[in-house]
Amino acid sequence: MSTVELKQFIESTAISQRETDRIVKETALQMKETDRKMKETDRIVKETALQMKETDRKMQETALQMKETDRKLKELGKQIGGLGNKFGAFAEGLAFSSIERILRADFGM
C-alpha cells in the first residue's frame, strides 16, 4: 500500500469515525428522550389508575345511594297506599250512612 493510499485510508477511517461518533451522540440523545417519555408515560398510567380507583369508589357509593333511594321510594309507596286506604275507608263510612238512609227512605230497603 502506497503512502497516498495509506493517507486516503486514514482519512476515510477518520471520517467514518466522526460519523460513528455523531450517530452515537444522536442515539444517546434519542435514548434520553425515550427515557423521559417513558417516565412521563409511567406517571400518566399511575395517575390514571388512581383516577379509576376513585371512579370505582364513587360508582359503589352511587349504587348504595340508589339502593337507599329505592328503599325510601318503596316505603313512601306503602305510606301513600296506606293513606289511600284510610281515606277510602273514611269515605265509605261517610257514604254508607247516607246511602243506608237514602235506600230506606226512598226505596224502602
N, C-alpha and C. Protein backbone atom coordinates (compact mmCIF):
# COMPACT_ATOMS: atom_id res chain seq x y z
N MET A 1 0.86 -1.16 0.00
CA MET A 1 0.00 0.00 0.00
C MET A 1 0.91 1.23 0.00
N SER A 2 0.60 2.16 -0.87
CA SER A 2 1.43 3.34 -1.02
C SER A 2 1.07 4.36 0.07
N THR A 3 1.91 5.36 0.17
CA THR A 3 1.69 6.41 1.16
C THR A 3 0.41 7.15 0.88
N VAL A 4 0.11 7.40 -0.34
CA VAL A 4 -1.12 8.11 -0.73
C VAL A 4 -2.34 7.27 -0.36
N GLU A 5 -2.24 5.99 -0.67
CA GLU A 5 -3.35 5.10 -0.35
C GLU A 5 -3.55 5.00 1.17
N LEU A 6 -2.44 4.97 1.87
CA LEU A 6 -2.50 4.90 3.33
C LEU A 6 -3.13 6.17 3.89
N LYS A 7 -2.75 7.32 3.36
CA LYS A 7 -3.33 8.59 3.80
C LYS A 7 -4.83 8.61 3.52
N GLN A 8 -5.23 8.16 2.33
CA GLN A 8 -6.65 8.12 1.96
C GLN A 8 -7.42 7.18 2.89
N PHE A 9 -6.82 6.05 3.22
CA PHE A 9 -7.46 5.09 4.11
C PHE A 9 -7.65 5.69 5.50
N ILE A 10 -6.59 6.37 5.99
CA ILE A 10 -6.65 7.00 7.32
C ILE A 10 -7.70 8.11 7.32
N GLU A 11 -7.75 8.91 6.24
CA GLU A 11 -8.74 9.98 6.14
C GLU A 11 -10.16 9.42 6.12
N SER A 12 -10.37 8.36 5.33
CA SER A 12 -11.71 7.78 5.26
C SER A 12 -12.08 7.13 6.59
N THR A 13 -11.10 6.55 7.28
CA THR A 13 -11.36 5.96 8.60
C THR A 13 -11.72 7.07 9.60
N ALA A 14 -11.02 8.19 9.54
CA ALA A 14 -11.31 9.31 10.43
C ALA A 14 -12.71 9.86 10.15
N ILE A 15 -13.07 9.97 8.88
CA ILE A 15 -14.40 10.45 8.51
C ILE A 15 -15.46 9.48 9.03
N SER A 16 -15.21 8.20 8.85
CA SER A 16 -16.14 7.17 9.33
C SER A 16 -16.27 7.24 10.85
N GLN A 17 -15.13 7.46 11.53
CA GLN A 17 -15.15 7.55 12.99
C GLN A 17 -15.95 8.76 13.46
N ARG A 18 -15.78 9.90 12.78
CA ARG A 18 -16.54 11.10 13.14
C ARG A 18 -18.04 10.85 12.93
N GLU A 19 -18.41 10.18 11.84
CA GLU A 19 -19.82 9.87 11.55
C GLU A 19 -20.37 8.92 12.61
N THR A 20 -19.54 7.94 12.99
CA THR A 20 -19.96 7.00 14.03
C THR A 20 -20.16 7.73 15.35
N ASP A 21 -19.23 8.64 15.69
CA ASP A 21 -19.37 9.42 16.92
C ASP A 21 -20.65 10.26 16.90
N ARG A 22 -20.94 10.86 15.75
CA ARG A 22 -22.15 11.68 15.62
C ARG A 22 -23.40 10.81 15.82
N ILE A 23 -23.40 9.63 15.22
CA ILE A 23 -24.54 8.73 15.34
C ILE A 23 -24.71 8.26 16.79
N VAL A 24 -23.56 7.97 17.45
CA VAL A 24 -23.62 7.53 18.85
C VAL A 24 -24.19 8.65 19.73
N LYS A 25 -23.73 9.89 19.51
CA LYS A 25 -24.26 11.02 20.29
C LYS A 25 -25.75 11.21 20.03
N GLU A 26 -26.14 11.12 18.78
CA GLU A 26 -27.55 11.27 18.41
C GLU A 26 -28.40 10.16 19.05
N THR A 27 -27.88 8.94 19.02
CA THR A 27 -28.58 7.81 19.63
C THR A 27 -28.71 8.01 21.14
N ALA A 28 -27.65 8.50 21.76
CA ALA A 28 -27.69 8.76 23.21
C ALA A 28 -28.76 9.80 23.54
N LEU A 29 -28.84 10.86 22.72
CA LEU A 29 -29.88 11.88 22.93
C LEU A 29 -31.27 11.29 22.76
N GLN A 30 -31.42 10.47 21.73
CA GLN A 30 -32.72 9.84 21.49
C GLN A 30 -33.10 8.91 22.65
N MET A 31 -32.12 8.21 23.19
CA MET A 31 -32.39 7.31 24.31
C MET A 31 -32.80 8.11 25.56
N LYS A 32 -32.14 9.25 25.78
CA LYS A 32 -32.52 10.11 26.91
C LYS A 32 -33.96 10.60 26.74
N GLU A 33 -34.30 11.00 25.53
CA GLU A 33 -35.66 11.48 25.25
C GLU A 33 -36.67 10.35 25.43
N THR A 34 -36.31 9.16 24.96
CA THR A 34 -37.19 8.00 25.13
C THR A 34 -37.38 7.69 26.61
N ASP A 35 -36.32 7.76 27.39
CA ASP A 35 -36.40 7.52 28.83
C ASP A 35 -37.32 8.55 29.49
N ARG A 36 -37.17 9.82 29.10
CA ARG A 36 -38.02 10.88 29.65
C ARG A 36 -39.48 10.61 29.33
N LYS A 37 -39.75 10.23 28.08
CA LYS A 37 -41.12 9.95 27.66
C LYS A 37 -41.69 8.73 28.40
N MET A 38 -40.85 7.72 28.63
CA MET A 38 -41.32 6.54 29.37
C MET A 38 -41.66 6.90 30.81
N LYS A 39 -40.86 7.74 31.43
CA LYS A 39 -41.16 8.18 32.79
C LYS A 39 -42.47 8.96 32.83
N GLU A 40 -42.68 9.81 31.84
CA GLU A 40 -43.94 10.57 31.76
C GLU A 40 -45.12 9.62 31.54
N THR A 41 -44.92 8.61 30.70
CA THR A 41 -45.99 7.63 30.47
C THR A 41 -46.29 6.86 31.75
N ASP A 42 -45.27 6.46 32.48
CA ASP A 42 -45.48 5.77 33.76
C ASP A 42 -46.26 6.64 34.72
N ARG A 43 -45.93 7.92 34.79
CA ARG A 43 -46.63 8.85 35.67
C ARG A 43 -48.11 8.95 35.28
N ILE A 44 -48.35 9.04 33.98
CA ILE A 44 -49.74 9.15 33.49
C ILE A 44 -50.51 7.87 33.79
N VAL A 45 -49.86 6.72 33.62
CA VAL A 45 -50.52 5.43 33.90
C VAL A 45 -50.87 5.35 35.38
N LYS A 46 -49.96 5.73 36.25
CA LYS A 46 -50.24 5.71 37.69
C LYS A 46 -51.38 6.66 38.04
N GLU A 47 -51.35 7.84 37.46
CA GLU A 47 -52.42 8.82 37.70
C GLU A 47 -53.77 8.28 37.22
N THR A 48 -53.77 7.65 36.07
CA THR A 48 -54.99 7.07 35.52
C THR A 48 -55.51 5.96 36.42
N ALA A 49 -54.61 5.14 36.94
CA ALA A 49 -55.01 4.05 37.84
C ALA A 49 -55.66 4.62 39.10
N LEU A 50 -55.10 5.70 39.64
CA LEU A 50 -55.69 6.34 40.82
C LEU A 50 -57.07 6.90 40.50
N GLN A 51 -57.20 7.51 39.34
CA GLN A 51 -58.48 8.07 38.94
C GLN A 51 -59.52 6.96 38.76
N MET A 52 -59.09 5.82 38.22
CA MET A 52 -60.01 4.70 38.03
C MET A 52 -60.46 4.15 39.38
N LYS A 53 -59.55 4.07 40.35
CA LYS A 53 -59.92 3.61 41.69
C LYS A 53 -60.94 4.56 42.30
N GLU A 54 -60.72 5.85 42.14
CA GLU A 54 -61.65 6.84 42.67
C GLU A 54 -63.00 6.73 41.98
N THR A 55 -62.98 6.51 40.67
CA THR A 55 -64.23 6.33 39.92
C THR A 55 -64.98 5.10 40.41
N ASP A 56 -64.26 4.00 40.63
CA ASP A 56 -64.89 2.78 41.15
C ASP A 56 -65.52 3.03 42.51
N ARG A 57 -64.80 3.74 43.38
CA ARG A 57 -65.32 4.06 44.71
C ARG A 57 -66.60 4.88 44.61
N LYS A 58 -66.58 5.88 43.73
CA LYS A 58 -67.76 6.72 43.56
C LYS A 58 -68.93 5.93 42.98
N MET A 59 -68.64 5.00 42.07
CA MET A 59 -69.70 4.18 41.50
C MET A 59 -70.33 3.28 42.57
N GLN A 60 -69.51 2.73 43.45
CA GLN A 60 -70.04 1.90 44.54
C GLN A 60 -70.88 2.75 45.48
N GLU A 61 -70.41 3.95 45.76
CA GLU A 61 -71.16 4.87 46.62
C GLU A 61 -72.50 5.22 45.97
N THR A 62 -72.48 5.47 44.68
CA THR A 62 -73.71 5.79 43.95
C THR A 62 -74.68 4.61 43.98
N ALA A 63 -74.15 3.40 43.83
CA ALA A 63 -75.00 2.20 43.86
C ALA A 63 -75.68 2.07 45.23
N LEU A 64 -74.93 2.34 46.29
CA LEU A 64 -75.52 2.28 47.63
C LEU A 64 -76.60 3.36 47.80
N GLN A 65 -76.33 4.53 47.29
CA GLN A 65 -77.31 5.61 47.38
C GLN A 65 -78.57 5.27 46.58
N MET A 66 -78.39 4.62 45.43
CA MET A 66 -79.55 4.24 44.63
C MET A 66 -80.37 3.18 45.36
N LYS A 67 -79.72 2.23 46.03
CA LYS A 67 -80.44 1.23 46.81
C LYS A 67 -81.24 1.89 47.93
N GLU A 68 -80.61 2.85 48.58
CA GLU A 68 -81.30 3.56 49.66
C GLU A 68 -82.48 4.36 49.12
N THR A 69 -82.31 4.97 47.97
CA THR A 69 -83.40 5.71 47.33
C THR A 69 -84.55 4.77 46.97
N ASP A 70 -84.21 3.61 46.42
CA ASP A 70 -85.24 2.62 46.08
C ASP A 70 -86.01 2.19 47.32
N ARG A 71 -85.28 1.95 48.41
CA ARG A 71 -85.92 1.55 49.66
C ARG A 71 -86.87 2.64 50.15
N LYS A 72 -86.41 3.89 50.09
CA LYS A 72 -87.24 5.00 50.54
C LYS A 72 -88.48 5.16 49.65
N LEU A 73 -88.31 4.98 48.34
CA LEU A 73 -89.46 5.08 47.42
C LEU A 73 -90.47 3.98 47.71
N LYS A 74 -89.99 2.80 47.99
CA LYS A 74 -90.89 1.68 48.31
C LYS A 74 -91.66 1.98 49.58
N GLU A 75 -90.97 2.48 50.59
CA GLU A 75 -91.62 2.84 51.86
C GLU A 75 -92.63 3.97 51.64
N LEU A 76 -92.25 4.94 50.84
CA LEU A 76 -93.17 6.05 50.54
C LEU A 76 -94.42 5.54 49.83
N GLY A 77 -94.23 4.59 48.90
CA GLY A 77 -95.37 3.98 48.21
C GLY A 77 -96.30 3.29 49.18
N LYS A 78 -95.73 2.58 50.16
CA LYS A 78 -96.55 1.92 51.18
C LYS A 78 -97.33 2.95 51.99
N GLN A 79 -96.65 4.04 52.35
CA GLN A 79 -97.31 5.08 53.15
C GLN A 79 -98.44 5.74 52.37
N ILE A 80 -98.19 6.02 51.10
CA ILE A 80 -99.24 6.63 50.27
C ILE A 80 -100.41 5.67 50.11
N GLY A 81 -100.09 4.38 49.90
CA GLY A 81 -101.15 3.37 49.80
C GLY A 81 -101.96 3.29 51.07
N GLY A 82 -101.28 3.36 52.20
CA GLY A 82 -101.98 3.35 53.50
C GLY A 82 -102.89 4.55 53.65
N LEU A 83 -102.42 5.70 53.24
CA LEU A 83 -103.26 6.90 53.31
C LEU A 83 -104.48 6.77 52.40
N GLY A 84 -104.26 6.21 51.22
CA GLY A 84 -105.38 6.00 50.28
C GLY A 84 -106.41 5.06 50.87
N ASN A 85 -105.95 3.98 51.49
CA ASN A 85 -106.87 3.05 52.12
C ASN A 85 -107.65 3.71 53.26
N LYS A 86 -106.95 4.50 54.07
CA LYS A 86 -107.62 5.20 55.18
C LYS A 86 -108.65 6.18 54.65
N PHE A 87 -108.28 6.93 53.59
CA PHE A 87 -109.21 7.89 53.01
C PHE A 87 -110.41 7.16 52.41
N GLY A 88 -110.16 6.04 51.75
CA GLY A 88 -111.23 5.25 51.16
C GLY A 88 -112.17 4.72 52.22
N ALA A 89 -111.60 4.19 53.31
CA ALA A 89 -112.44 3.69 54.41
C ALA A 89 -113.25 4.83 55.02
N PHE A 90 -112.63 6.00 55.17
CA PHE A 90 -113.32 7.16 55.71
C PHE A 90 -114.48 7.57 54.80
N ALA A 91 -114.20 7.62 53.49
CA ALA A 91 -115.26 8.00 52.53
C ALA A 91 -116.37 6.95 52.52
N GLU A 92 -116.01 5.68 52.61
CA GLU A 92 -117.02 4.63 52.66
C GLU A 92 -117.89 4.79 53.90
N GLY A 93 -117.26 5.10 55.03
CA GLY A 93 -118.01 5.31 56.28
C GLY A 93 -118.99 6.45 56.16
N LEU A 94 -118.56 7.53 55.53
CA LEU A 94 -119.45 8.68 55.34
C LEU A 94 -120.59 8.33 54.39
N ALA A 95 -120.24 7.67 53.30
CA ALA A 95 -121.23 7.35 52.28
C ALA A 95 -122.20 6.28 52.76
N PHE A 96 -121.72 5.33 53.55
CA PHE A 96 -122.57 4.22 53.98
C PHE A 96 -123.79 4.70 54.75
N SER A 97 -123.54 5.60 55.69
CA SER A 97 -124.68 6.08 56.48
C SER A 97 -125.66 6.86 55.60
N SER A 98 -125.16 7.63 54.66
CA SER A 98 -126.05 8.39 53.77
C SER A 98 -126.79 7.46 52.82
N ILE A 99 -126.10 6.48 52.27
CA ILE A 99 -126.73 5.55 51.33
C ILE A 99 -127.76 4.70 52.06
N GLU A 100 -127.42 4.29 53.27
CA GLU A 100 -128.38 3.49 54.06
C GLU A 100 -129.66 4.30 54.30
N ARG A 101 -129.50 5.55 54.64
CA ARG A 101 -130.65 6.42 54.89
C ARG A 101 -131.47 6.61 53.61
N ILE A 102 -130.80 6.84 52.49
CA ILE A 102 -131.47 7.06 51.20
C ILE A 102 -132.20 5.79 50.77
N LEU A 103 -131.55 4.65 50.90
CA LEU A 103 -132.18 3.39 50.50
C LEU A 103 -133.42 3.09 51.34
N ARG A 104 -133.42 3.37 52.62
CA ARG A 104 -134.58 3.13 53.48
C ARG A 104 -135.68 4.14 53.19
N ALA A 105 -135.28 5.40 53.08
CA ALA A 105 -136.30 6.43 52.92
C ALA A 105 -136.93 6.39 51.54
N ASP A 106 -136.11 6.29 50.50
CA ASP A 106 -136.62 6.40 49.14
C ASP A 106 -137.06 5.05 48.53
N PHE A 107 -136.40 3.98 48.93
CA PHE A 107 -136.68 2.70 48.28
C PHE A 107 -137.27 1.65 49.26
N GLY A 108 -137.34 2.00 50.52
CA GLY A 108 -137.89 1.10 51.50
C GLY A 108 -137.04 -0.13 51.70
N MET A 109 -135.79 -0.04 51.53
CA MET A 109 -134.90 -1.17 51.68
C MET A 109 -134.13 -1.08 52.97
